[in-house]
Protein backbone atom coordinates (compact mmCIF):
# COMPACT_ATOMS: atom_id res chain seq x y z
CA UNK A 1 9.52 -25.03 17.24
CA UNK A 2 7.46 -23.91 19.55
CA UNK A 3 4.51 -21.67 18.03
CA UNK A 4 4.07 -19.34 20.76
CA UNK A 5 7.36 -17.60 20.25
CA UNK A 6 7.34 -16.77 16.91
CA UNK A 7 3.38 -15.57 16.90
CA UNK A 8 4.93 -13.12 19.43
CA UNK A 9 7.30 -12.46 17.22
CA UNK A 10 4.60 -12.06 14.40
CA UNK A 11 2.14 -9.89 16.25
CA UNK A 12 4.94 -8.06 17.55
CA UNK A 13 6.44 -6.80 14.26
CA UNK A 14 2.79 -6.38 12.45
CA UNK A 15 1.30 -4.57 15.36
CA UNK A 16 3.44 -1.28 14.47
CA UNK A 17 3.49 -1.63 10.75
CA UNK A 18 -0.85 -1.73 10.88
CA UNK A 19 -0.79 1.22 12.69
CA UNK A 20 1.92 2.96 10.83
CA UNK A 21 -0.15 2.41 7.78
CA UNK A 22 -3.65 3.50 10.00
CA UNK A 23 -1.88 6.73 10.43
CA UNK A 24 -0.94 7.07 6.78
CA UNK A 25 -4.28 6.80 5.40
CA UNK A 26 -5.82 8.67 8.34
CA UNK A 27 -4.36 11.72 6.37
CA UNK A 28 -6.26 10.97 3.38
CA UNK A 29 -9.92 10.90 5.59
CA UNK A 30 -8.66 14.16 7.12
CA UNK A 31 -8.05 15.90 3.58
CA UNK A 32 -11.48 14.63 2.30
CA UNK A 33 -13.72 15.75 5.26
CA UNK A 34 -11.67 19.18 5.80
CA UNK A 35 -11.94 19.83 1.81
CA UNK A 36 -15.27 18.92 2.31
CA UNK A 37 -16.19 21.93 4.43
CA UNK A 38 -15.26 24.03 1.72
CA UNK A 39 -17.65 23.34 -1.71
CA UNK A 40 -18.03 20.77 -3.94
CA UNK A 41 -14.97 22.14 -6.35
CA UNK A 42 -12.69 21.98 -3.79
CA UNK A 43 -13.66 18.46 -2.85
CA UNK A 44 -13.75 17.84 -6.19
CA UNK A 45 -10.10 18.70 -7.10
CA UNK A 46 -9.01 17.08 -4.28
CA UNK A 47 -10.18 13.83 -5.02
CA UNK A 48 -9.12 13.96 -8.67
CA UNK A 49 -5.66 15.27 -7.39
CA UNK A 50 -5.42 12.20 -5.18
CA UNK A 51 -6.42 9.73 -7.26
CA UNK A 52 -3.75 11.23 -9.92
CA UNK A 53 -1.15 11.35 -7.22
CA UNK A 54 -1.56 8.02 -5.74
CA UNK A 55 -1.20 5.51 -8.61
CA UNK A 56 2.25 7.60 -9.40
CA UNK A 57 3.34 7.48 -5.46
CA UNK A 58 2.29 4.08 -4.81
CA UNK A 59 3.94 2.80 -8.03
CA UNK A 60 7.21 4.32 -7.11
CA UNK A 61 7.41 3.83 -3.49
CA UNK A 62 6.48 -0.29 -4.52
CA UNK A 63 9.74 -0.13 -5.86
CA UNK A 64 11.64 0.38 -2.82
CA UNK A 65 10.14 -2.13 -0.84
CA UNK A 66 11.86 -5.15 -2.61
CA UNK A 67 14.83 -3.28 0.25
CA UNK A 68 12.91 -5.56 2.94
CA UNK A 69 13.67 -9.01 1.55
CA UNK A 70 17.19 -8.21 0.95
CA UNK A 71 17.86 -6.76 4.51
CA UNK A 72 15.60 -9.24 5.98
CA UNK A 73 18.22 -12.10 4.65
CA UNK A 74 21.31 -10.13 5.64
CA UNK A 75 20.04 -9.91 9.25
CA UNK A 76 19.53 -13.85 9.39
CA UNK A 77 23.08 -13.97 7.92
CA UNK A 78 24.58 -11.91 10.20
CA UNK A 79 26.01 -9.58 7.33
CA UNK A 80 25.49 -6.02 9.38
CA UNK A 81 27.72 -4.16 6.68
CA UNK A 82 25.65 -5.39 3.76
CA UNK A 83 22.34 -3.70 5.56
CA UNK A 84 24.13 -0.28 5.65
CA UNK A 85 24.94 -0.71 1.70
CA UNK A 86 21.53 -2.10 0.79
CA UNK A 87 19.51 1.35 2.80
CA UNK A 88 22.25 3.84 0.94
CA UNK A 89 21.64 2.31 -2.48
CA UNK A 90 17.90 2.19 -1.52
CA UNK A 91 18.09 6.00 -0.53
CA UNK A 92 20.21 6.35 -3.77
CA UNK A 93 17.29 4.90 -5.76
CA UNK A 94 14.61 6.63 -4.00
CA UNK A 95 16.34 10.33 -5.36
CA UNK A 96 16.22 8.51 -8.61
CA UNK A 97 12.43 8.06 -8.41
CA UNK A 98 11.96 11.24 -6.58
CA UNK A 99 12.88 13.13 -9.58
CA UNK A 100 11.06 11.04 -11.96
CA UNK A 101 8.03 11.07 -9.34
CA UNK A 102 8.29 15.31 -9.36
CA UNK A 103 8.94 15.98 -12.71
CA UNK A 104 4.96 13.49 -14.00
CA UNK A 105 3.64 15.00 -11.34
CA UNK A 106 4.54 18.77 -11.90
CA UNK A 107 3.15 18.61 -15.50
CA UNK A 108 -0.02 19.69 -13.81
CA UNK A 109 -1.86 20.96 -16.71
CA UNK A 110 -1.27 17.96 -18.64
CA UNK A 111 -3.20 15.70 -15.83
CA UNK A 112 -6.07 18.63 -15.69
CA UNK A 113 -6.50 17.89 -19.03
CA UNK A 114 -6.50 14.43 -19.17
CA UNK A 115 -9.24 13.75 -16.13
CA UNK A 116 -11.29 16.15 -18.13
CA UNK A 117 -12.59 17.60 -15.50
CA UNK A 118 -14.39 21.66 -15.72
CA UNK A 119 -12.51 24.77 -15.86
CA UNK A 120 -12.86 25.22 -12.33
CA UNK A 121 -12.33 21.50 -10.79
CA UNK A 122 -9.47 21.58 -13.37
CA UNK A 123 -7.68 24.75 -11.51
CA UNK A 124 -7.54 23.10 -8.20
CA UNK A 125 -6.26 19.93 -9.77
CA UNK A 126 -3.60 21.84 -10.64
CA UNK A 127 -2.70 23.21 -7.39
CA UNK A 128 -3.19 20.32 -5.62
CA UNK A 129 -0.31 18.24 -7.66
CA UNK A 130 2.07 21.25 -7.59
CA UNK A 131 2.34 20.81 -3.81
CA UNK A 132 2.31 17.23 -4.47
CA UNK A 133 5.19 16.81 -6.79
CA UNK A 134 7.20 19.13 -4.67
CA UNK A 135 6.79 15.87 -1.67
CA UNK A 136 7.26 13.07 -3.48
CA UNK A 137 11.15 12.72 -2.97
CA UNK A 138 10.81 13.51 0.98
CA UNK A 139 7.82 10.68 0.92
CA UNK A 140 10.21 8.12 -0.80
CA UNK A 141 13.10 8.56 1.68
CA UNK A 142 10.42 8.08 5.01
CA UNK A 143 9.19 4.91 2.94
CA UNK A 144 12.67 3.46 2.37
CA UNK A 145 13.45 4.04 5.86
CA UNK A 146 10.31 2.09 6.37
CA UNK A 147 11.34 -0.55 4.61
CA UNK A 148 14.53 -1.08 6.58
CA UNK A 149 13.10 -0.77 9.80
CA UNK A 150 10.48 -3.09 9.01
CA UNK A 151 13.29 -5.58 7.88
CA UNK A 152 15.34 -4.85 11.04
CA UNK A 153 12.23 -5.85 13.36
CA UNK A 154 12.26 -2.24 14.46
CA UNK A 155 8.75 -0.93 12.92
CA UNK A 156 8.22 1.54 16.04
CA UNK A 157 10.72 4.10 15.14
CA UNK A 158 8.51 4.90 11.94
CA UNK A 159 5.37 4.21 13.60
CA UNK A 160 6.10 6.98 16.01
CA UNK A 161 6.92 9.27 13.19
CA UNK A 162 4.04 8.82 10.87
CA UNK A 163 1.94 9.10 14.26
CA UNK A 164 3.63 12.54 14.97
CA UNK A 165 2.95 13.62 11.49
CA UNK A 166 -0.77 12.76 11.92
CA UNK A 167 -1.14 15.12 14.81
CA UNK A 168 0.02 18.42 12.97
CA UNK A 169 -2.08 17.22 10.26
CA UNK A 170 -5.53 18.92 11.23
CA UNK A 171 -3.99 21.98 12.55
CA UNK A 172 -1.17 22.93 9.44
CA UNK A 173 -4.31 21.81 7.41
CA UNK A 174 -6.69 24.26 8.70
CA UNK A 175 -4.03 27.47 8.82
CA UNK A 176 -3.49 26.43 4.97
CA UNK A 177 -6.91 25.30 3.61
CA UNK A 178 -8.63 27.56 5.56
CA UNK A 179 -6.26 30.61 5.99
CA UNK A 180 -5.28 32.69 9.00
CA UNK A 181 -5.89 36.52 8.31
CA UNK A 182 -4.24 37.79 11.18
CA UNK A 183 -0.94 36.28 10.07
CA UNK A 184 -1.33 36.90 6.38
CA UNK A 185 -1.94 33.83 5.29
CA UNK A 186 -4.43 33.44 2.58
CA UNK A 187 -6.79 29.87 1.96
CA UNK A 188 -5.30 27.74 -0.07
CA UNK A 189 -8.09 25.23 -0.32
CA UNK A 190 -7.57 21.88 -1.13
CA UNK A 191 -4.24 22.79 -2.45
CA UNK A 192 -3.45 23.48 1.26
CA UNK A 193 -3.99 19.71 1.75
CA UNK A 194 -1.28 18.94 -0.15
CA UNK A 195 1.17 21.59 1.13
CA UNK A 196 0.60 20.59 4.53
CA UNK A 197 1.29 16.86 3.14
CA UNK A 198 4.41 18.37 1.45
CA UNK A 199 6.01 20.08 4.69
CA UNK A 200 5.10 16.94 6.82
CA UNK A 201 6.80 14.41 4.53
CA UNK A 202 9.96 16.91 4.48
CA UNK A 203 9.85 16.93 8.26
CA UNK A 204 9.44 13.31 8.74
CA UNK A 205 12.41 12.92 6.11
CA UNK A 206 14.61 14.60 8.16
CA UNK A 207 13.31 12.89 11.39
CA UNK A 208 13.72 9.36 10.10
CA UNK A 209 17.79 10.74 8.81
CA UNK A 210 18.22 11.80 12.37
CA UNK A 211 17.21 8.68 13.66
CA UNK A 212 19.18 6.74 11.42
CA UNK A 213 22.26 8.32 12.94
CA UNK A 214 21.43 8.19 16.50
CA UNK A 215 19.35 4.90 17.18
CA UNK A 216 21.35 2.78 19.13
CA UNK A 217 19.99 -0.33 17.36
CA UNK A 218 20.38 1.14 14.10
CA UNK A 219 24.18 2.63 15.00
CA UNK A 220 25.90 -0.58 13.94
CA UNK A 221 24.60 -0.87 10.12
CA UNK A 222 26.06 2.47 9.31
CA UNK A 223 23.42 3.52 7.39
CA UNK A 224 24.35 6.85 5.90
CA UNK A 225 27.37 7.53 3.76
CA UNK A 226 28.67 7.54 0.36
CA UNK A 227 25.84 7.65 -2.12
CA UNK A 228 28.00 6.25 -4.74
CA UNK A 229 26.09 3.85 -6.92
CA UNK A 230 27.31 0.21 -6.22
CA UNK A 231 26.00 -1.85 -9.38
CA UNK A 232 25.22 -5.32 -7.74
CA UNK A 233 23.14 -3.75 -5.37
CA UNK A 234 21.41 -1.33 -7.53
CA UNK A 235 20.45 -4.10 -9.82
CA UNK A 236 19.16 -6.78 -6.82
CA UNK A 237 16.89 -3.72 -5.81
CA UNK A 238 15.43 -3.23 -9.06
CA UNK A 239 14.95 -6.78 -9.93
CA UNK A 240 12.88 -7.12 -7.03
CA UNK A 241 11.61 -3.64 -6.98
CA UNK A 242 10.18 -3.05 -10.56
CA UNK A 243 8.65 -5.79 -10.49
CA UNK A 244 6.66 -5.09 -6.92
CA UNK A 245 5.79 -1.62 -8.64
CA UNK A 246 4.81 -2.64 -11.29
CA UNK A 247 1.86 -5.19 -9.21
CA UNK A 248 1.25 -2.09 -7.48
CA UNK A 249 0.48 -0.06 -10.54
CA UNK A 250 -1.71 -3.05 -11.44
CA UNK A 251 -3.63 -3.18 -8.03
CA UNK A 252 -4.30 0.17 -7.55
CA UNK A 253 -4.94 1.31 -11.36
CA UNK A 254 -7.16 -2.15 -11.76
CA UNK A 255 -9.25 -0.91 -8.82
CA UNK A 256 -9.33 3.06 -9.76
CA UNK A 257 -10.88 2.02 -13.30
CA UNK A 258 -13.88 0.42 -11.68
CA UNK A 259 -14.73 3.88 -10.71
CA UNK A 260 -14.42 5.45 -13.97
CA UNK A 261 -16.18 2.73 -15.97
CA UNK A 262 -19.49 2.73 -13.76
CA UNK A 263 -19.36 6.22 -13.64
CA UNK A 264 -22.12 5.99 -16.78
CA UNK A 265 -24.60 4.11 -14.30
CA UNK A 266 -24.87 7.24 -12.22
CA UNK A 267 -24.16 8.81 -8.81
CA UNK A 268 -25.66 5.67 -6.84
CA UNK A 269 -23.42 3.82 -8.16
CA UNK A 270 -20.62 5.55 -7.97
CA UNK A 271 -21.13 6.45 -4.03
CA UNK A 272 -22.07 2.86 -3.26
CA UNK A 273 -18.33 1.44 -4.79
CA UNK A 274 -16.68 4.75 -2.81
CA UNK A 275 -18.27 3.41 0.37
CA UNK A 276 -17.05 -0.06 -0.59
CA UNK A 277 -13.79 1.21 -1.74
CA UNK A 278 -12.93 2.76 1.34
CA UNK A 279 -14.02 -0.39 3.33
CA UNK A 280 -11.25 -2.07 1.48
CA UNK A 281 -8.43 -0.01 2.33
CA UNK A 282 -9.26 -0.25 6.11
CA UNK A 283 -9.41 -4.34 6.24
CA UNK A 284 -6.51 -4.73 3.50
CA UNK A 285 -4.23 -3.26 5.96
CA UNK A 286 -4.52 -5.72 8.34
CA UNK A 287 -3.51 -8.20 5.12
CA UNK A 288 -1.08 -6.36 4.47
CA UNK A 289 0.79 -5.66 8.03
CA UNK A 290 0.70 -9.67 8.40
CA UNK A 291 1.97 -10.29 5.07
CA UNK A 292 4.91 -7.61 5.81
CA UNK A 293 5.88 -9.44 9.06
CA UNK A 294 5.48 -12.93 7.77
CA UNK A 295 7.80 -11.98 5.29
CA UNK A 296 10.35 -10.61 6.94
CA UNK A 297 10.50 -12.73 9.60
CA UNK A 298 10.54 -15.94 6.78
CA UNK A 299 13.20 -14.12 4.82
CA UNK A 300 15.78 -13.46 8.10
CA UNK A 301 15.38 -17.31 8.55
CA UNK A 302 16.31 -18.05 5.50
CA UNK A 303 19.10 -15.76 5.49
CA UNK A 304 20.28 -17.65 8.24
CA UNK A 305 19.51 -20.95 6.07
CA UNK A 306 16.96 -22.62 9.09
CA UNK A 307 14.67 -23.75 5.93
CA UNK A 308 12.57 -25.56 8.21
CA UNK A 309 11.85 -22.75 10.70
CA UNK A 310 11.35 -20.33 8.03
CA UNK A 311 8.44 -22.74 6.22
CA UNK A 312 7.04 -22.88 9.76
CA UNK A 313 7.07 -19.19 10.21
CA UNK A 314 5.24 -18.72 7.01
CA UNK A 315 2.87 -21.24 7.70
CA UNK A 316 1.98 -19.34 10.78
CA UNK A 317 1.69 -15.80 9.36
CA UNK A 318 -0.58 -17.43 6.79
CA UNK A 319 -2.82 -19.11 9.65
CA UNK A 320 -2.82 -16.03 11.55
CA UNK A 321 -3.82 -13.81 8.61
CA UNK A 322 -6.33 -16.25 7.20
CA UNK A 323 -7.74 -16.40 10.49
CA UNK A 324 -7.88 -12.23 10.98
CA UNK A 325 -9.43 -12.19 7.36
CA UNK A 326 -12.09 -14.49 8.22
CA UNK A 327 -13.09 -12.79 10.87
CA UNK A 328 -13.29 -10.12 9.18
CA UNK A 329 -15.54 -11.25 6.89
CA UNK A 330 -17.88 -12.39 9.57
CA UNK A 331 -17.91 -8.77 11.06
CA UNK A 332 -18.55 -6.98 7.34
CA UNK A 333 -20.97 -9.94 6.45
CA UNK A 334 -23.21 -9.37 9.66
CA UNK A 335 -22.60 -5.48 9.23
CA UNK A 336 -23.30 -4.64 6.30
CA UNK A 337 -26.62 -2.57 6.54
CA UNK A 338 -25.19 -1.09 9.29
CA UNK A 339 -22.07 0.34 7.76
CA UNK A 340 -23.81 1.22 4.29
CA UNK A 341 -25.90 3.13 6.50
CA UNK A 342 -23.38 4.67 8.36
CA UNK A 343 -21.95 6.19 5.33
CA UNK A 344 -24.74 6.64 3.00
CA UNK A 345 -27.89 8.57 4.02
CA UNK A 346 -29.66 8.12 0.64
CA UNK A 347 -31.87 4.48 0.73
CA UNK A 348 -30.88 3.68 -2.51
CA UNK A 349 -27.10 4.33 -1.81
CA UNK A 350 -27.06 2.27 1.03
CA UNK A 351 -28.87 -0.77 -0.46
CA UNK A 352 -26.49 -1.02 -3.18
CA UNK A 353 -23.59 -0.26 -0.89
CA UNK A 354 -24.99 -3.21 1.83
CA UNK A 355 -24.95 -5.90 -1.00
CA UNK A 356 -21.27 -4.32 -2.19
CA UNK A 357 -20.32 -5.00 1.44
CA UNK A 358 -21.28 -8.51 1.13
CA UNK A 359 -19.05 -9.07 -1.80
CA UNK A 360 -16.20 -7.59 0.15
CA UNK A 361 -16.48 -10.09 2.82
CA UNK A 362 -15.69 -13.10 0.60
CA UNK A 363 -13.39 -10.85 -2.00
CA UNK A 364 -10.95 -9.45 1.00
CA UNK A 365 -10.59 -12.88 2.86
CA UNK A 366 -9.44 -14.61 -1.20
CA UNK A 367 -7.30 -11.15 -1.13
CA UNK A 368 -5.71 -11.77 1.75
CA UNK A 369 -4.64 -15.33 0.78
CA UNK A 370 -3.07 -14.59 -2.26
CA UNK A 371 -1.33 -11.42 -0.22
CA UNK A 372 0.34 -13.99 2.20
CA UNK A 373 1.75 -16.21 -0.78
CA UNK A 374 2.83 -12.94 -2.66
CA UNK A 375 4.76 -11.52 0.28
CA UNK A 376 6.64 -15.30 0.87
CA UNK A 377 7.60 -15.13 -2.34
CA UNK A 378 9.51 -12.23 -1.69
CA UNK A 379 10.87 -13.39 0.95
CA UNK A 380 12.15 -15.60 -1.60
CA UNK A 381 13.44 -12.92 -3.71
CA UNK A 382 10.73 -14.04 -6.02
CA UNK A 383 8.63 -11.03 -7.33
CA UNK A 384 8.83 -11.29 -11.54
CA UNK A 385 6.77 -14.36 -12.16
CA UNK A 386 3.83 -13.20 -9.74
CA UNK A 387 3.61 -9.73 -11.35
CA UNK A 388 2.68 -11.59 -14.55
CA UNK A 389 0.16 -13.56 -12.15
CA UNK A 390 -1.25 -10.01 -11.30
CA UNK A 391 -1.39 -8.79 -15.33
CA UNK A 392 -3.49 -11.84 -15.99
CA UNK A 393 -5.43 -12.12 -12.87
CA UNK A 394 -6.36 -8.52 -12.07
CA UNK A 395 -6.67 -6.47 -15.05
CA UNK A 396 -7.36 -9.95 -17.50
CA UNK A 397 -9.99 -11.30 -15.07
CA UNK A 398 -10.48 -8.80 -12.69
CA UNK A 399 -11.14 -5.67 -14.59
CA UNK A 400 -11.19 -7.12 -17.79
CA UNK A 401 -13.97 -9.66 -16.70
CA UNK A 402 -15.81 -7.12 -14.76
CA UNK A 403 -16.42 -5.14 -17.74
CA UNK A 404 -17.50 -7.88 -20.11
CA UNK A 405 -20.24 -9.04 -17.61
CA UNK A 406 -21.00 -5.05 -16.75
CA UNK A 407 -21.68 -4.10 -20.63
CA UNK A 408 -21.76 -7.31 -22.77
CA UNK A 409 -25.60 -7.74 -21.85
CA UNK A 410 -25.09 -11.36 -21.82
CA UNK A 411 -26.36 -11.09 -17.95
CA UNK A 412 -28.39 -8.77 -18.25
CA UNK A 413 -28.40 -4.94 -17.12
CA UNK A 414 -26.01 -3.67 -14.46
CA UNK A 415 -26.79 -0.32 -12.68
CA UNK A 416 -24.15 -0.89 -10.53
CA UNK A 417 -20.57 -2.26 -9.47
CA UNK A 418 -21.45 -5.92 -8.63
CA UNK A 419 -20.01 -7.73 -11.75
CA UNK A 420 -16.72 -5.68 -10.95
CA UNK A 421 -16.76 -7.51 -7.54
CA UNK A 422 -17.59 -10.80 -8.90
CA UNK A 423 -14.87 -10.62 -11.18
CA UNK A 424 -12.51 -9.47 -8.96
CA UNK A 425 -13.74 -12.41 -6.02
CA UNK A 426 -12.54 -14.73 -9.39
CA UNK A 427 -9.48 -12.77 -9.99
CA UNK A 428 -8.21 -13.39 -6.39
CA UNK A 429 -9.16 -16.97 -6.28
CA UNK A 430 -7.07 -17.42 -9.56
CA UNK A 431 -4.02 -15.10 -8.15
CA UNK A 432 -4.23 -17.23 -5.28
CA UNK A 433 -4.23 -20.46 -6.91
CA UNK A 434 -1.59 -19.31 -9.34
CA UNK A 435 1.19 -18.07 -6.19
CA UNK A 436 0.18 -20.51 -3.85
CA UNK A 437 1.46 -23.29 -6.58
CA UNK A 438 4.37 -21.41 -7.14
CA UNK A 439 5.22 -20.79 -3.61
CA UNK A 440 4.77 -24.68 -2.89
CA UNK A 441 7.32 -25.28 -6.04
CA UNK A 442 9.39 -22.84 -4.10
CA UNK A 443 9.64 -24.45 -0.96
CA UNK A 444 10.14 -27.75 -2.36
CA UNK A 445 13.35 -26.29 -4.28
CA UNK A 446 14.51 -24.78 -1.68
CA UNK A 447 14.07 -28.18 0.51
CA UNK A 448 15.82 -29.97 -1.77
CA UNK A 449 19.01 -27.32 -2.20
CA UNK A 450 19.46 -26.86 1.41
CA UNK A 451 18.39 -29.93 3.48
CA UNK A 452 18.59 -29.75 6.91
CA UNK A 453 16.83 -31.98 9.66
CA UNK A 454 13.36 -29.95 11.20
CA UNK A 455 13.80 -28.43 14.41
CA UNK A 456 13.86 -30.84 17.47
CA UNK A 457 15.69 -33.55 15.79
């Protein structure tokens, strides 16, 4: 198999996915910047509210990601009718999960008290989460459609929806957060950011359901119709989706917990960790988009029973992702001081942040490696065992090991997040080894049960 055509397919799929993900991330950046123009109380309320919302939302939406490998294999096998059924069942699942998420986030008083925030900040958190709760269902519908479009190699549809939503974010935020007295609209503060996200999520949900009906490339799948439960299809979605959602919860909660655990080290430690975390989110999107594209293209070939081509596609995706991660590692290491100073004016914060960014350079390469293995396994519809590998590595080695290094006193005293980054590097290496061994075992099994001459023979 020639490399140029598959590589072109990979990049053509990964590019729109990356743009779409960065557009979603940009919404959070806009909210933070605009809340910072109000007051520290509004910014603190938005920060706490976002942290609570993200853990719940990412865990729920990740359950829907089991749709991608299922549909991708249907595409490869030419099972057109099965694609529509799988999507309709994912919509049903999105509604069920959305109701759960709405009920959980609507307990605003519980979450504000759990955060331990001062009364004035707690009130901001409650108002923010109220609007977040209302936006969960439409947001999950959009994510289900996104998973479908990626699986059928039409990610540009969701990319344009997300970019259009981003265009309206700033003006809508301005009206709702700052108010518009001429039209009798009172300032909502940080809650206005969540309200605008809710409105845009609803508009996006309407847009994607419309696209599911009118787009020529999607019409043949008959995506919309009866939402009557199909036990077999729902079972397959949950069998894949629940461990994927659990993995997302472990990943997000482990990283979020670092900020809480280092809080006693002071404001400089927290600020430097926040800088490293924000950069982590950006570089992670590059690895994630390539992992998604590799998973879909590999699963399509597996569905068509072109096993050797599937393995070559997985290898190409791995090579591309790791080359990209190596380039980003060099950029981060060389530019660590410049990046740190761009984020922080305090010399102490900038110095610590530069140190963490240097560790981030190593961490993101290993993180990309384990991510590629995990998504190739998802192409084989394998998600349960990787979940337990993540539990052991991210919670056990990463979070537990980082806490032990930081607070046991065996390795001296720490006043920043360095120990957590050291443990995180080891955790990613361990996860890469475990997932890599599982991937190799899976390929051997698949090749043994489905013998086929390599392409060109």
